[in-house]
Amino acid sequence: MDLFSSTWMTRSLGESVSALHLESDGGVYAGGWNGSLKHWDAEGTLVWTASLPDRITVLSVSEGAIFATAGLNIVCLEADTGEQRWSHALEGSADTLALFKHRVYAVSSVYDIEHNDFLESAVWNFSFDGAMNWVQRMDERPWVLLEHKSKLWLGLGRPKCGFSSIDEEGVLTHHSAETDSPITCGASDEKTMLFGHANGVVSNSKGATFVAEESSAEHLVTVPSGYIAALENGDLICRTDAEEVWRSRGDAITLHQCAFAFKETQTHWTSRWAGSLGSLEVRDIETGEVLVSSQSSRCESMASNNQRIALGFENGDICLWEQDMFERRMSKDHQKVKKDERKSALQDKLRALRDR
């Protein structure tokens, strides 16, 4: 099956897609490398278009507002109309944001080209109406911002490494991991919080480490039985604690995401990039078996819910797959394969009789 022939919707942002937000009802917000921001409703109708000052990297929606990182800025817009409510320029690049207890937490960092390193980072706290409550500066760059057990957590780089919780007043509480390697990525759910490190180690919320992988961990996804890690060397590994469940090797992984179920088993979507050609792989999350794969443009963003998954590409396309349509198309393709196999077997028999 050609994966793109089973899309529920395909739209164009008009520029490379750098951020996506998928609503629970299936509506999509998409942000681009040049600051374009568009909103389509659940039926695929374009609702509004806006223009932000720079590349959009994170989109989050709450209480009728959409919050975005755009270059040096944090921007808030009306979710229904795209009208801008407020905008704040941070010190350095606006790297990420989280909405937590009716507050906006934003992370910024200052990069020094001469020293080829980050000089200073900060966590900013804003109210939803745009008032700045406080800013907490630090030497370490927070590479990931996670919510876990009613707290916000920062995964840190050098010099301190480890991870810190940050409270509503901006007070940091540092926790050391068993490895002093910088944290590069992380993931959390209701039960667990995990951090990936530059040396390939994956650690948990207690700082305890799992088996060290062969290469730096770049992306983590939690699953009910453990986690799936995308490594710098192109390996995709599913583990239950320290036990390897399955592994896939290939080209560099740009993104990966868990999505809706197929035949009662959750699917896992992976995008790879070979330098000039991209590919997508959809797997059975329990076995690692590839259900379908297709060539693609470079995938730059993913977002999913229980019924749909949206992917944004370098060529500006936004493709959305819906569970029921995906299942119907996969089943139809499977039936076609069986029919072709029976036809081929019959042709072989007829050929054998003719050649006797």
Protein backbone atom coordinates (compact mmCIF):
# COMPACT_ATOMS: atom_id res chain seq x y z
CA MET A 1 0.00 0.00 0.00
CA ASP A 2 1.16 3.53 -0.76
CA LEU A 3 0.87 5.25 2.61
CA PHE A 4 -0.01 8.60 1.05
CA SER A 5 -2.95 7.14 -0.87
CA SER A 6 -4.64 6.48 2.48
CA THR A 7 -4.49 10.03 3.87
CA TRP A 8 -7.72 11.51 5.19
CA MET A 9 -6.56 15.03 4.34
CA THR A 10 -3.61 16.75 2.66
CA ARG A 11 -3.10 20.50 2.86
CA SER A 12 -0.24 22.92 2.11
CA LEU A 13 1.24 25.50 4.45
CA GLY A 14 3.14 27.16 1.58
CA GLU A 15 6.49 26.78 3.37
CA SER A 16 8.42 24.11 5.26
CA VAL A 17 6.34 22.85 8.20
CA SER A 18 8.17 23.20 11.53
CA ALA A 19 5.41 22.71 14.14
CA LEU A 20 2.02 21.02 14.44
CA HIS A 21 -0.75 20.87 17.01
CA LEU A 22 -3.59 18.36 16.60
CA GLU A 23 -6.79 19.04 18.53
CA SER A 24 -8.81 16.27 20.15
CA ASP A 25 -11.55 16.70 17.51
CA GLY A 26 -9.02 16.50 14.65
CA GLY A 27 -8.51 20.19 13.87
CA VAL A 28 -4.92 21.13 12.96
CA TYR A 29 -2.69 24.12 13.64
CA ALA A 30 0.49 24.27 11.53
CA GLY A 31 3.47 26.62 11.82
CA GLY A 32 6.28 27.16 9.33
CA TRP A 33 9.95 28.02 8.99
CA ASN A 34 9.13 31.57 7.85
CA GLY A 35 6.46 32.22 10.48
CA SER A 36 3.28 31.26 8.62
CA LEU A 37 0.58 29.88 10.93
CA LYS A 38 -2.64 28.27 9.67
CA HIS A 39 -5.60 26.58 11.31
CA TRP A 40 -7.85 23.97 9.63
CA ASP A 41 -10.94 22.59 11.35
CA ALA A 42 -11.73 18.88 11.77
CA GLU A 43 -13.33 18.78 8.30
CA GLY A 44 -10.25 20.24 6.60
CA THR A 45 -11.62 23.75 6.04
CA LEU A 46 -9.10 26.58 6.42
CA VAL A 47 -10.28 28.72 9.35
CA TRP A 48 -7.61 31.42 9.47
CA THR A 49 -4.05 32.38 8.54
CA ALA A 50 -1.58 34.45 10.57
CA SER A 51 2.03 35.54 10.22
CA LEU A 52 4.53 35.41 13.11
CA PRO A 53 7.96 37.10 13.17
CA ASP A 54 10.15 33.99 12.73
CA ARG A 55 10.30 30.20 12.54
CA ILE A 56 7.67 28.49 14.71
CA THR A 57 8.99 25.56 16.75
CA VAL A 58 6.29 24.80 19.35
CA LEU A 59 2.50 25.18 19.32
CA SER A 60 0.21 24.61 22.30
CA VAL A 61 -3.49 25.39 22.80
CA SER A 62 -5.44 26.05 26.00
CA GLU A 63 -8.43 28.07 27.18
CA GLY A 64 -9.21 29.51 23.75
CA ALA A 65 -5.66 30.66 23.05
CA ILE A 66 -2.77 29.28 21.00
CA PHE A 67 0.78 29.84 22.26
CA ALA A 68 3.79 29.65 19.96
CA THR A 69 7.56 30.01 20.02
CA ALA A 70 8.69 32.12 17.05
CA GLY A 71 12.40 32.91 16.85
CA LEU A 72 13.16 35.12 19.87
CA ASN A 73 9.47 35.53 20.75
CA ILE A 74 6.64 33.93 22.67
CA VAL A 75 3.36 34.78 20.95
CA CYS A 76 -0.24 34.29 22.07
CA LEU A 77 -3.17 34.36 19.59
CA GLU A 78 -6.91 33.79 19.67
CA ALA A 79 -7.40 30.11 18.80
CA ASP A 80 -10.66 30.80 16.93
CA THR A 81 -9.55 33.79 14.84
CA GLY A 82 -5.74 33.96 14.79
CA GLU A 83 -5.82 37.51 16.16
CA GLN A 84 -2.72 38.26 18.25
CA ARG A 85 -3.28 38.84 21.97
CA TRP A 86 0.31 39.53 23.04
CA SER A 87 3.97 38.88 22.25
CA HIS A 88 7.18 38.98 24.30
CA ALA A 89 10.77 38.93 23.08
CA LEU A 90 13.02 36.72 25.23
CA GLU A 91 16.78 36.88 25.76
CA GLY A 92 18.07 34.60 23.02
CA SER A 93 16.06 32.02 21.10
CA ALA A 94 12.68 30.86 22.40
CA ASP A 95 13.41 27.11 22.49
CA THR A 96 10.26 25.56 23.94
CA LEU A 97 7.23 26.22 26.10
CA ALA A 98 4.80 24.39 28.38
CA LEU A 99 1.35 25.33 29.68
CA PHE A 100 1.14 24.38 33.35
CA LYS A 101 -1.40 25.37 36.01
CA HIS A 102 -2.72 28.29 33.95
CA ARG A 103 0.77 29.69 33.37
CA VAL A 104 3.11 29.79 30.37
CA TYR A 105 6.62 28.46 31.02
CA ALA A 106 9.09 29.31 28.26
CA VAL A 107 12.75 28.32 27.89
CA SER A 108 15.28 30.56 26.13
CA SER A 109 19.00 30.22 25.42
CA VAL A 110 21.81 32.49 24.24
CA TYR A 111 24.31 30.93 21.83
CA ASP A 112 27.79 32.37 21.35
CA ILE A 113 29.20 31.71 17.87
CA GLU A 114 32.74 32.60 18.90
CA HIS A 115 32.78 30.06 21.75
CA ASN A 116 30.54 27.58 19.88
CA ASP A 117 28.50 27.05 23.04
CA PHE A 118 25.45 28.24 24.97
CA LEU A 119 26.35 31.04 27.39
CA GLU A 120 23.14 31.40 29.40
CA SER A 121 19.63 30.00 29.52
CA ALA A 122 16.48 31.08 31.29
CA VAL A 123 12.99 29.92 32.23
CA TRP A 124 10.28 32.56 31.90
CA ASN A 125 6.86 32.54 33.53
CA PHE A 126 3.89 34.44 32.05
CA SER A 127 0.22 34.58 32.90
CA PHE A 128 -2.21 33.73 30.12
CA ASP A 129 -2.96 37.45 29.69
CA GLY A 130 0.72 38.18 28.93
CA ALA A 131 1.97 39.55 32.25
CA MET A 132 5.52 38.38 33.09
CA ASN A 133 5.69 36.94 36.60
CA TRP A 134 9.39 36.03 36.86
CA VAL A 135 12.49 34.83 35.02
CA GLN A 136 15.01 32.29 36.35
CA ARG A 137 18.44 32.30 34.70
CA MET A 138 20.96 29.43 34.71
CA ASP A 139 24.25 28.39 33.16
CA GLU A 140 22.93 25.05 31.83
CA ARG A 141 20.72 24.81 28.79
CA PRO A 142 17.45 22.90 29.42
CA TRP A 143 17.13 20.60 26.41
CA VAL A 144 13.73 19.28 27.40
CA LEU A 145 10.77 20.53 29.47
CA LEU A 146 8.43 17.83 30.85
CA GLU A 147 5.35 17.61 33.06
CA HIS A 148 5.28 14.71 35.51
CA LYS A 149 3.41 14.13 38.79
CA SER A 150 2.13 17.72 39.03
CA LYS A 151 5.58 19.23 38.53
CA LEU A 152 7.60 20.70 35.66
CA TRP A 153 11.03 19.21 35.03
CA LEU A 154 14.04 20.44 33.07
CA GLY A 155 16.59 18.06 31.50
CA LEU A 156 19.93 19.87 31.65
CA GLY A 157 23.15 20.08 29.70
CA ARG A 158 26.60 20.95 30.98
CA PRO A 159 28.05 21.95 33.36
CA LYS A 160 25.61 20.64 35.97
CA CYS A 161 23.75 18.02 33.87
CA GLY A 162 21.06 15.97 35.64
CA PHE A 163 17.54 17.38 35.89
CA SER A 164 15.67 19.96 37.96
CA SER A 165 12.11 20.60 39.01
CA ILE A 166 10.90 24.19 38.94
CA ASP A 167 8.05 25.43 41.12
CA GLU A 168 5.49 28.19 40.60
CA GLU A 169 7.86 30.80 42.06
CA GLY A 170 10.80 29.79 39.85
CA VAL A 171 12.74 27.90 42.52
CA LEU A 172 14.89 25.11 41.05
CA THR A 173 15.52 21.80 42.81
CA HIS A 174 18.35 19.85 41.21
CA HIS A 175 18.57 16.05 40.94
CA SER A 176 21.66 14.15 39.81
CA ALA A 177 21.59 11.13 37.52
CA GLU A 178 23.93 8.16 37.79
CA THR A 179 25.63 9.43 34.63
CA ASP A 180 27.09 12.92 34.26
CA SER A 181 26.37 12.96 30.52
CA PRO A 182 24.19 15.87 29.25
CA ILE A 183 20.49 15.18 28.79
CA THR A 184 19.49 15.47 25.12
CA CYS A 185 15.81 14.42 25.12
CA GLY A 186 13.02 13.14 27.34
CA ALA A 187 9.48 11.82 27.58
CA SER A 188 6.90 11.40 30.31
CA ASP A 189 3.47 9.96 31.03
CA GLU A 190 1.37 9.46 34.17
CA LYS A 191 3.59 6.67 35.49
CA THR A 192 7.12 7.47 34.40
CA MET A 193 9.56 10.13 33.28
CA LEU A 194 12.63 9.27 31.20
CA PHE A 195 15.65 11.19 29.98
CA GLY A 196 17.99 10.34 27.11
CA HIS A 197 21.66 11.26 27.42
CA ALA A 198 24.41 12.13 24.97
CA ASN A 199 26.30 8.94 25.89
CA GLY A 200 23.32 6.72 24.99
CA VAL A 201 22.12 6.12 28.55
CA VAL A 202 18.41 6.40 29.39
CA SER A 203 17.65 7.40 33.00
CA ASN A 204 14.42 7.65 34.99
CA SER A 205 12.95 10.15 37.46
CA LYS A 206 15.06 8.68 40.28
CA GLY A 207 18.26 9.19 38.31
CA ALA A 208 18.72 5.44 37.85
CA THR A 209 20.09 4.40 34.46
CA PHE A 210 19.10 1.66 32.03
CA VAL A 211 21.37 -0.13 29.57
CA ALA A 212 23.57 2.31 27.63
CA GLU A 213 22.75 2.31 23.92
CA GLU A 214 25.32 2.30 21.13
CA SER A 215 24.80 5.95 20.24
CA SER A 216 23.39 9.19 21.64
CA ALA A 217 19.65 9.16 22.36
CA GLU A 218 17.93 11.84 20.24
CA HIS A 219 14.19 11.15 20.68
CA LEU A 220 12.27 9.19 23.34
CA VAL A 221 8.68 7.97 23.41
CA THR A 222 7.14 6.23 26.42
CA VAL A 223 5.00 3.13 25.83
CA PRO A 224 3.02 1.06 28.39
CA SER A 225 5.79 -1.53 28.69
CA GLY A 226 8.80 0.80 28.57
CA TYR A 227 10.12 3.15 25.90
CA ILE A 228 11.15 3.52 22.26
CA ALA A 229 14.42 5.38 21.64
CA ALA A 230 15.68 6.89 18.38
CA LEU A 231 19.48 6.99 18.35
CA GLU A 232 21.87 9.24 16.48
CA ASN A 233 23.17 6.27 14.44
CA GLY A 234 19.69 5.54 13.00
CA ASP A 235 18.74 2.70 15.35
CA LEU A 236 15.17 2.54 16.64
CA ILE A 237 14.94 0.44 19.81
CA CYS A 238 11.98 -0.69 21.91
CA ARG A 239 12.83 -1.74 25.46
CA THR A 240 11.01 -2.97 28.53
CA ASP A 241 13.35 -1.59 31.17
CA ALA A 242 16.71 -3.13 30.19
CA GLU A 243 15.30 -5.88 27.94
CA GLU A 244 15.33 -5.24 24.20
CA VAL A 245 11.97 -6.08 22.59
CA TRP A 246 12.79 -5.14 18.99
CA ARG A 247 15.25 -3.06 16.99
CA SER A 248 15.29 -1.46 13.54
CA ARG A 249 18.38 -0.08 11.80
CA GLY A 250 18.31 2.45 8.99
CA ASP A 251 18.89 6.04 7.91
CA ALA A 252 18.89 8.92 10.38
CA ILE A 253 15.61 9.31 12.26
CA THR A 254 14.11 12.79 12.19
CA LEU A 255 11.02 12.06 14.32
CA HIS A 256 8.93 9.21 15.72
CA GLN A 257 5.52 9.08 17.35
CA CYS A 258 2.96 6.60 18.73
CA ALA A 259 -0.45 6.81 17.07
CA PHE A 260 -3.87 5.14 16.78
CA ALA A 261 -4.38 1.38 16.96
CA PHE A 262 -4.51 -0.99 14.01
CA LYS A 263 -6.16 -4.35 14.71
CA GLU A 264 -6.25 -3.47 18.42
CA THR A 265 -2.48 -2.82 18.58
CA GLN A 266 -1.05 0.68 18.76
CA THR A 267 0.98 1.86 15.76
CA HIS A 268 4.33 3.61 15.77
CA TRP A 269 5.32 6.06 13.01
CA THR A 270 8.95 6.81 12.11
CA SER A 271 10.40 9.30 9.65
CA ARG A 272 13.91 8.80 8.27
CA TRP A 273 16.17 10.96 6.11
CA ALA A 274 18.97 9.74 3.83
CA GLY A 275 20.27 13.17 2.83
CA SER A 276 18.21 13.52 -0.35
CA LEU A 277 15.30 11.14 0.19
CA GLY A 278 12.96 10.61 3.12
CA SER A 279 10.86 7.64 4.17
CA LEU A 280 8.04 6.81 6.55
CA GLU A 281 7.56 3.53 8.41
CA VAL A 282 4.43 2.45 10.28
CA ARG A 283 4.96 -0.40 12.75
CA ASP A 284 3.14 -2.71 15.08
CA ILE A 285 4.37 -1.26 18.37
CA GLU A 286 4.53 -4.64 20.12
CA THR A 287 6.50 -6.61 17.51
CA GLY A 288 8.27 -3.90 15.52
CA GLU A 289 6.88 -5.39 12.28
CA VAL A 290 6.61 -2.79 9.51
CA LEU A 291 2.96 -2.61 8.40
CA VAL A 292 3.56 -0.16 5.57
CA SER A 293 6.32 2.19 4.40
CA SER A 294 6.63 4.87 1.72
CA GLN A 295 9.12 7.37 0.38
CA SER A 296 8.51 10.97 1.36
CA SER A 297 9.82 14.50 1.64
CA ARG A 298 11.74 15.22 4.85
CA CYS A 299 9.32 15.07 7.79
CA GLU A 300 9.79 18.00 10.18
CA SER A 301 6.90 17.63 12.64
CA MET A 302 4.37 15.12 14.01
CA ALA A 303 1.29 15.28 16.24
CA SER A 304 -1.23 12.57 17.13
CA ASN A 305 -4.30 11.72 19.19
CA ASN A 306 -6.33 8.53 19.62
CA GLN A 307 -7.95 8.77 16.18
CA ARG A 308 -5.59 10.73 13.93
CA ILE A 309 -1.96 11.54 13.22
CA ALA A 310 -0.68 14.60 11.34
CA LEU A 311 2.75 14.91 9.70
CA GLY A 312 4.35 18.10 8.37
CA PHE A 313 6.98 18.03 5.63
CA GLU A 314 9.80 20.17 4.28
CA ASN A 315 7.91 20.68 1.00
CA GLY A 316 5.06 22.37 2.91
CA ASP A 317 2.61 19.45 2.85
CA ILE A 318 0.54 18.55 5.91
CA CYS A 319 -0.83 15.00 5.72
CA LEU A 320 -3.38 13.63 8.15
CA TRP A 321 -4.32 9.97 8.57
CA GLU A 322 -7.51 8.80 10.28
CA GLN A 323 -7.82 5.44 12.02
CA ASP A 324 -10.91 4.05 10.27
CA MET A 325 -9.74 5.02 6.78
CA PHE A 326 -6.26 3.61 7.48
CA GLU A 327 -7.75 0.28 8.61
CA ARG A 328 -10.07 0.07 5.60
CA ARG A 329 -7.26 0.80 3.19
CA MET A 330 -4.89 -1.67 4.85
CA SER A 331 -7.56 -4.40 4.84
CA LYS A 332 -8.40 -3.73 1.19
CA ASP A 333 -4.72 -3.88 0.27
CA HIS A 334 -4.30 -7.13 2.21
CA GLN A 335 -7.27 -8.68 0.39
CA LYS A 336 -5.81 -7.56 -2.95
CA VAL A 337 -2.47 -9.19 -2.09
CA LYS A 338 -4.24 -12.47 -1.25
CA LYS A 339 -6.24 -12.30 -4.48
CA ASP A 340 -3.06 -11.65 -6.50
CA GLU A 341 -1.35 -14.57 -4.76
CA ARG A 342 -4.22 -16.92 -5.65
CA LYS A 343 -4.20 -15.66 -9.24
CA SER A 344 -0.43 -16.19 -9.46
CA ALA A 345 -0.74 -19.72 -8.05
CA LEU A 346 -3.44 -20.57 -10.60
CA GLN A 347 -1.29 -19.22 -13.44
CA ASP A 348 1.61 -21.38 -12.24
CA LYS A 349 -0.61 -24.48 -12.29
CA LEU A 350 -1.88 -23.72 -15.78
CA ARG A 351 1.65 -23.10 -16.99
CA ALA A 352 2.80 -26.43 -15.52
CA LEU A 353 -0.05 -28.28 -17.26
CA ARG A 354 0.72 -26.58 -20.57
CA ASP A 355 4.42 -27.49 -20.37
CA ARG A 356 3.77 -31.21 -19.68
